[in-house]
Amino acid sequence: MAEKRGTFLYLGPELGEKLDALKKLRSSISGDLEETVFYAGETALPEILSILRNGSLFAETRLIIIKNAEVFKKKEETESITSCIKKLQENTTLVLVSEETKLDKRIEDSVPKENKQIFWELFENKKNEWLQSFFRREGCRIDESGVRAILEMVENNTDALRRECGRLILFLGKDKPISGADVEHCLSHSREESAFTLFAAIARGNLTLSLEIVRSLTAARHNFQAITAALVWCFRKLRDYLYLRSSGTINDFELKKIGLGFSKTRADYDEASRRWPLAEDALALIGEYEYLLRSSGTAWEEILMDTLVLKLCLY
């Protein structure tokens, strides 16, 4: 494998493929490697820049990863970063990571085009193929209802899918095909908090639980904008559900078509339909706060997210 050096941009919402790319990049770097990870907005930029500019006393090569790089927007910030990129030491590899698909133009223009990658979410048919391949490699069998249940109950990225599927195999074993009922029972009782458990809490108007889930997500390094993007996905599905109800075409077949084939997820959307008879209102509200989250400083993110959750719960 050819050794890679310089600055790289890994952007987009597909976390699993992004982690695979980081792993591949890491393995391509020869020598005694020192790896440092920063979260933009948590570590002061001058501290990050100081480490970028100064070499290591102990390691032959360095890999420095800066996550949430979309935070860098001010002119003085982007100019400082681009200056560092231009003068990056030969033994240092820098990776700027974001769940957004774009960074500040000044930063993007300072990175070679061949070192930029955007990792998009998989289409539904590709996720189905990914799941089937995963279980085959692990020597397991899963039926169509099991695949459908996973896609309904697990976040839309291959890192979350890989983690939850591994947990299913651990709990259920490899003796028999995994069914939708198996998945629903197992994940309902064991899955970690996600934007989908947040939606379920909001659907029931449970403000205390909703805020607790937000705290759990941020403690697990979930990006606020990624959380709102997942909520948008949920409320768009609610819009489809409301259409089926209003048109009188609600039945098992139509519900499966929009990804509501199982009782747990149907119950969540049934509750949400009572609280949000117009899903467009929720989507407009989330859109408003997505803009505020992008345009405000990191000091306001937690307050803005709490306010959004409050308004969604008390609508």
Protein backbone atom coordinates (compact mmCIF):
# COMPACT_ATOMS: atom_id res chain seq x y z
CA MET A 1 0.00 0.00 0.00
CA ALA A 2 1.41 3.40 -1.03
CA GLU A 3 2.18 5.66 1.90
CA LYS A 4 -0.06 8.72 2.18
CA ARG A 5 1.01 12.03 3.69
CA GLY A 6 -0.32 15.59 3.77
CA THR A 7 -3.80 16.91 4.59
CA PHE A 8 -7.05 15.02 3.98
CA LEU A 9 -10.73 15.97 4.19
CA TYR A 10 -13.16 13.21 5.21
CA LEU A 11 -16.67 14.66 5.02
CA GLY A 12 -20.26 13.46 5.00
CA PRO A 13 -22.73 11.56 7.19
CA GLU A 14 -21.65 7.95 6.48
CA LEU A 15 -19.62 7.22 9.61
CA GLY A 16 -18.75 3.57 8.99
CA GLU A 17 -17.05 4.08 5.62
CA LYS A 18 -15.31 7.16 7.01
CA LEU A 19 -13.86 5.10 9.87
CA ASP A 20 -12.73 2.46 7.37
CA ALA A 21 -10.95 5.15 5.33
CA LEU A 22 -9.21 6.43 8.47
CA LYS A 23 -8.11 2.91 9.30
CA LYS A 24 -6.72 2.44 5.80
CA LEU A 25 -4.92 5.78 5.94
CA ARG A 26 -3.46 4.94 9.36
CA SER A 27 -2.13 1.60 8.12
CA SER A 28 -0.44 3.29 5.14
CA ILE A 29 1.77 5.46 7.36
CA SER A 30 5.12 3.85 8.11
CA GLY A 31 7.32 4.33 11.14
CA ASP A 32 6.59 4.76 14.82
CA LEU A 33 3.23 6.57 14.65
CA GLU A 34 1.88 9.06 17.20
CA GLU A 35 -1.88 9.70 16.84
CA THR A 36 -3.72 12.69 18.32
CA VAL A 37 -7.46 13.38 18.05
CA PHE A 38 -9.03 16.79 18.68
CA TYR A 39 -12.67 17.86 18.75
CA ALA A 40 -13.01 21.35 17.29
CA GLY A 41 -14.87 23.60 19.68
CA GLU A 42 -13.68 21.65 22.72
CA THR A 43 -9.93 22.14 22.38
CA ALA A 44 -8.88 25.76 21.80
CA LEU A 45 -7.62 26.38 18.28
CA PRO A 46 -4.29 27.91 19.45
CA GLU A 47 -3.54 24.64 21.29
CA ILE A 48 -4.30 22.59 18.16
CA LEU A 49 -2.17 24.89 16.01
CA SER A 50 0.72 24.72 18.47
CA ILE A 51 0.80 20.93 18.24
CA LEU A 52 0.50 21.04 14.44
CA ARG A 53 3.43 23.44 14.15
CA ASN A 54 5.73 21.63 16.59
CA GLY A 55 7.21 18.22 15.94
CA SER A 56 7.11 15.20 18.23
CA LEU A 57 10.11 14.41 20.42
CA PHE A 58 9.37 10.69 20.47
CA ALA A 59 7.58 9.55 17.28
CA GLU A 60 8.87 9.27 13.72
CA THR A 61 5.49 10.13 12.18
CA ARG A 62 2.32 11.84 13.38
CA LEU A 63 -1.37 11.47 12.52
CA ILE A 64 -3.50 14.39 13.74
CA ILE A 65 -7.28 14.12 13.39
CA ILE A 66 -9.56 17.12 13.93
CA LYS A 67 -13.23 16.17 14.21
CA ASN A 68 -16.22 18.56 13.86
CA ALA A 69 -14.08 20.67 11.53
CA GLU A 70 -17.17 22.52 10.28
CA VAL A 71 -16.86 24.62 13.46
CA PHE A 72 -14.00 26.61 11.87
CA LYS A 73 -15.78 29.49 10.11
CA LYS A 74 -14.22 32.76 11.26
CA LYS A 75 -11.69 34.31 8.92
CA GLU A 76 -8.89 34.28 11.50
CA GLU A 77 -9.54 30.61 12.24
CA THR A 78 -9.57 29.47 8.63
CA GLU A 79 -6.51 31.56 7.75
CA SER A 80 -4.56 30.05 10.66
CA ILE A 81 -5.53 26.51 9.62
CA THR A 82 -4.71 27.04 5.94
CA SER A 83 -1.35 28.53 6.93
CA CYS A 84 -0.60 25.38 8.95
CA ILE A 85 -1.70 23.16 6.06
CA LYS A 86 0.68 24.93 3.68
CA LYS A 87 3.59 24.55 6.13
CA LEU A 88 2.70 21.06 7.41
CA GLN A 89 5.77 19.10 8.48
CA GLU A 90 6.75 16.21 6.23
CA ASN A 91 6.29 13.61 8.97
CA THR A 92 2.74 14.83 9.81
CA THR A 93 -0.56 13.70 8.30
CA LEU A 94 -3.57 15.88 9.09
CA VAL A 95 -7.19 14.74 8.67
CA LEU A 96 -10.11 17.16 8.98
CA VAL A 97 -13.35 15.27 9.66
CA SER A 98 -16.94 16.50 9.55
CA GLU A 99 -20.43 15.08 9.15
CA GLU A 100 -21.18 18.07 6.93
CA THR A 101 -20.47 17.77 3.20
CA LYS A 102 -18.62 21.11 2.96
CA LEU A 103 -16.12 23.10 5.00
CA ASP A 104 -15.12 26.73 4.67
CA LYS A 105 -13.97 27.34 1.09
CA ARG A 106 -10.57 28.62 2.22
CA ILE A 107 -9.87 25.34 3.99
CA GLU A 108 -11.18 23.18 1.14
CA ASP A 109 -9.12 25.07 -1.44
CA SER A 110 -5.94 24.43 0.56
CA VAL A 111 -6.35 20.63 0.32
CA PRO A 112 -5.53 18.69 -2.88
CA LYS A 113 -8.68 17.46 -4.65
CA GLU A 114 -7.46 13.86 -4.60
CA ASN A 115 -7.33 14.03 -0.78
CA LYS A 116 -11.01 15.00 -0.40
CA GLN A 117 -13.70 12.39 0.13
CA ILE A 118 -17.41 12.75 0.86
CA PHE A 119 -19.01 9.70 2.45
CA TRP A 120 -22.72 9.71 1.62
CA GLU A 121 -25.37 7.63 3.36
CA LEU A 122 -26.14 4.34 1.62
CA PHE A 123 -29.30 4.06 -0.48
CA GLU A 124 -31.92 1.68 0.90
CA ASN A 125 -31.06 -1.12 -1.54
CA LYS A 126 -27.34 -0.77 -0.74
CA LYS A 127 -28.03 -0.98 3.01
CA ASN A 128 -29.99 -4.18 2.39
CA GLU A 129 -27.02 -5.64 0.48
CA TRP A 130 -24.62 -4.45 3.19
CA LEU A 131 -26.61 -6.21 5.93
CA GLN A 132 -26.91 -9.47 3.99
CA SER A 133 -23.15 -9.45 3.32
CA PHE A 134 -22.35 -8.68 6.97
CA PHE A 135 -24.34 -11.65 8.29
CA ARG A 136 -22.96 -13.96 5.59
CA ARG A 137 -19.38 -13.07 6.53
CA GLU A 138 -20.19 -13.81 10.18
CA GLY A 139 -21.68 -17.21 9.31
CA CYS A 140 -25.22 -16.13 10.25
CA ARG A 141 -28.56 -16.20 8.49
CA ILE A 142 -31.13 -13.41 8.62
CA ASP A 143 -34.51 -13.38 6.94
CA GLU A 144 -36.14 -10.48 5.10
CA SER A 145 -38.16 -9.41 8.15
CA GLY A 146 -34.96 -9.24 10.20
CA VAL A 147 -33.26 -6.98 7.66
CA ARG A 148 -36.33 -4.75 7.53
CA ALA A 149 -36.45 -4.49 11.32
CA ILE A 150 -32.78 -3.49 11.55
CA LEU A 151 -33.25 -0.77 8.93
CA GLU A 152 -36.21 0.58 10.89
CA MET A 153 -34.53 0.56 14.29
CA VAL A 154 -30.86 1.43 13.69
CA GLU A 155 -29.30 4.73 12.69
CA ASN A 156 -28.62 5.32 9.03
CA ASN A 157 -24.85 4.67 8.91
CA THR A 158 -22.78 1.53 8.60
CA ASP A 159 -20.90 2.10 11.87
CA ALA A 160 -24.17 1.93 13.84
CA LEU A 161 -25.35 -1.00 11.71
CA ARG A 162 -22.10 -2.90 12.29
CA ARG A 163 -22.25 -2.30 16.05
CA GLU A 164 -25.89 -3.32 16.46
CA CYS A 165 -25.58 -6.35 14.16
CA GLY A 166 -22.58 -7.53 16.16
CA ARG A 167 -24.67 -7.22 19.30
CA LEU A 168 -27.48 -9.22 17.70
CA ILE A 169 -25.11 -12.06 16.82
CA LEU A 170 -23.68 -12.03 20.33
CA PHE A 171 -27.12 -12.21 21.96
CA LEU A 172 -28.94 -14.47 19.48
CA GLY A 173 -26.16 -16.78 18.30
CA LYS A 174 -25.76 -18.44 14.91
CA ASP A 175 -27.96 -21.51 15.33
CA LYS A 176 -31.04 -20.28 13.48
CA PRO A 177 -32.04 -17.48 11.10
CA ILE A 178 -32.58 -14.11 12.79
CA SER A 179 -36.16 -12.90 12.35
CA GLY A 180 -37.79 -9.50 12.62
CA ALA A 181 -39.30 -10.48 15.97
CA ASP A 182 -35.82 -11.41 17.25
CA VAL A 183 -34.41 -8.06 16.14
CA GLU A 184 -37.29 -6.07 17.58
CA HIS A 185 -37.08 -7.82 20.96
CA CYS A 186 -33.29 -7.62 21.20
CA LEU A 187 -32.74 -4.05 20.03
CA SER A 188 -35.70 -2.68 22.00
CA HIS A 189 -34.07 -3.90 25.21
CA SER A 190 -30.38 -3.39 24.49
CA ARG A 191 -29.72 -0.64 21.98
CA GLU A 192 -27.86 2.53 22.84
CA GLU A 193 -29.50 5.94 22.70
CA SER A 194 -29.80 7.41 19.22
CA ALA A 195 -31.69 10.09 17.35
CA PHE A 196 -34.43 7.47 16.90
CA THR A 197 -34.86 6.86 20.63
CA LEU A 198 -34.93 10.65 20.93
CA PHE A 199 -37.75 10.78 18.37
CA ALA A 200 -39.67 8.13 20.33
CA ALA A 201 -39.34 10.19 23.54
CA ILE A 202 -40.41 13.38 21.73
CA ALA A 203 -43.36 11.51 20.19
CA ARG A 204 -44.61 10.81 23.71
CA GLY A 205 -43.94 14.35 24.92
CA ASN A 206 -41.46 13.08 27.52
CA LEU A 207 -39.30 16.18 27.95
CA THR A 208 -37.17 14.83 30.80
CA LEU A 209 -36.26 11.65 28.91
CA SER A 210 -35.70 13.59 25.68
CA LEU A 211 -33.20 15.92 27.35
CA GLU A 212 -31.45 12.95 29.00
CA ILE A 213 -31.08 11.29 25.59
CA VAL A 214 -29.62 14.49 24.13
CA ARG A 215 -27.05 14.51 26.97
CA SER A 216 -26.21 10.85 26.28
CA LEU A 217 -25.76 11.54 22.57
CA THR A 218 -23.49 14.53 23.11
CA ALA A 219 -21.45 12.59 25.71
CA ALA A 220 -20.96 9.94 23.00
CA ARG A 221 -19.63 12.65 20.67
CA HIS A 222 -22.71 12.87 18.46
CA ASN A 223 -22.79 16.06 16.42
CA PHE A 224 -25.84 18.30 17.06
CA GLN A 225 -26.37 18.80 13.34
CA ALA A 226 -26.28 15.04 12.78
CA ILE A 227 -28.98 14.66 15.46
CA THR A 228 -31.23 17.23 13.77
CA ALA A 229 -30.64 15.55 10.38
CA ALA A 230 -31.85 12.24 11.84
CA LEU A 231 -34.89 13.98 13.34
CA VAL A 232 -35.69 15.41 9.90
CA TRP A 233 -35.57 11.85 8.51
CA CYS A 234 -38.00 10.69 11.25
CA PHE A 235 -40.46 13.54 10.70
CA ARG A 236 -40.42 12.99 6.94
CA LYS A 237 -41.40 9.41 7.64
CA LEU A 238 -44.14 10.76 9.95
CA ARG A 239 -45.35 12.87 7.01
CA ASP A 240 -45.68 9.68 4.93
CA TYR A 241 -47.51 7.98 7.81
CA LEU A 242 -49.96 10.89 8.17
CA TYR A 243 -50.65 10.78 4.43
CA LEU A 244 -51.55 7.09 4.63
CA ARG A 245 -53.94 7.81 7.51
CA SER A 246 -55.60 10.78 5.82
CA SER A 247 -55.97 8.96 2.49
CA GLY A 248 -57.47 5.85 4.09
CA THR A 249 -54.80 3.61 2.55
CA ILE A 250 -53.12 2.57 5.79
CA ASN A 251 -52.46 -1.19 5.85
CA ASP A 252 -49.57 -3.55 6.59
CA PHE A 253 -48.27 -3.47 3.02
CA GLU A 254 -48.22 0.33 2.76
CA LEU A 255 -46.68 0.68 6.22
CA LYS A 256 -43.86 -1.70 5.28
CA LYS A 257 -43.22 0.36 2.14
CA ILE A 258 -42.46 3.45 4.25
CA GLY A 259 -40.36 1.49 6.75
CA LEU A 260 -42.93 0.94 9.50
CA GLY A 261 -43.29 -2.80 9.43
CA PHE A 262 -42.94 -3.51 13.15
CA SER A 263 -45.09 -2.79 16.16
CA LYS A 264 -42.50 -0.78 18.11
CA THR A 265 -41.83 1.71 15.34
CA ARG A 266 -45.52 1.91 14.40
CA ALA A 267 -46.35 2.74 18.01
CA ASP A 268 -43.79 5.58 17.99
CA TYR A 269 -45.28 7.08 14.83
CA ASP A 270 -48.84 6.62 16.04
CA GLU A 271 -47.96 8.64 19.17
CA ALA A 272 -46.18 11.26 17.06
CA SER A 273 -49.19 11.60 14.74
CA ARG A 274 -51.35 12.64 17.70
CA ARG A 275 -48.84 15.25 18.84
CA TRP A 276 -47.88 16.41 15.34
CA PRO A 277 -50.91 16.22 13.00
CA LEU A 278 -48.90 18.40 10.59
CA ALA A 279 -45.39 17.02 10.21
CA GLU A 280 -44.46 20.06 8.11
CA ASP A 281 -44.66 22.21 11.28
CA ALA A 282 -42.02 20.05 12.94
CA LEU A 283 -39.83 20.05 9.82
CA ALA A 284 -40.02 23.84 9.59
CA LEU A 285 -39.09 24.17 13.27
CA ILE A 286 -36.12 21.80 12.93
CA GLY A 287 -35.02 23.66 9.79
CA GLU A 288 -35.05 26.93 11.72
CA TYR A 289 -32.87 25.46 14.47
CA GLU A 290 -30.54 23.74 11.99
CA TYR A 291 -29.80 27.20 10.59
CA LEU A 292 -29.22 28.61 14.08
CA LEU A 293 -26.92 25.70 14.99
CA ARG A 294 -24.85 26.28 11.85
CA SER A 295 -24.63 30.05 12.23
CA SER A 296 -24.14 30.34 16.02
CA GLY A 297 -21.01 29.63 18.01
CA THR A 298 -20.47 26.33 19.79
CA ALA A 299 -21.27 27.98 23.14
CA TRP A 300 -24.92 28.21 22.01
CA GLU A 301 -25.32 24.71 20.60
CA GLU A 302 -26.49 23.00 23.78
CA ILE A 303 -28.98 25.78 24.58
CA LEU A 304 -30.36 25.74 21.04
CA MET A 305 -30.72 21.95 21.02
CA ASP A 306 -32.49 21.97 24.40
CA THR A 307 -34.86 24.69 23.15
CA LEU A 308 -35.65 22.70 20.00
CA VAL A 309 -36.39 19.56 22.02
CA LEU A 310 -38.55 21.60 24.43
CA LYS A 311 -40.63 23.03 21.57
CA LEU A 312 -41.00 19.62 19.91
CA CYS A 313 -42.12 17.98 23.15
CA LEU A 314 -44.56 20.72 24.20
CA TYR A 315 -46.10 21.39 20.77
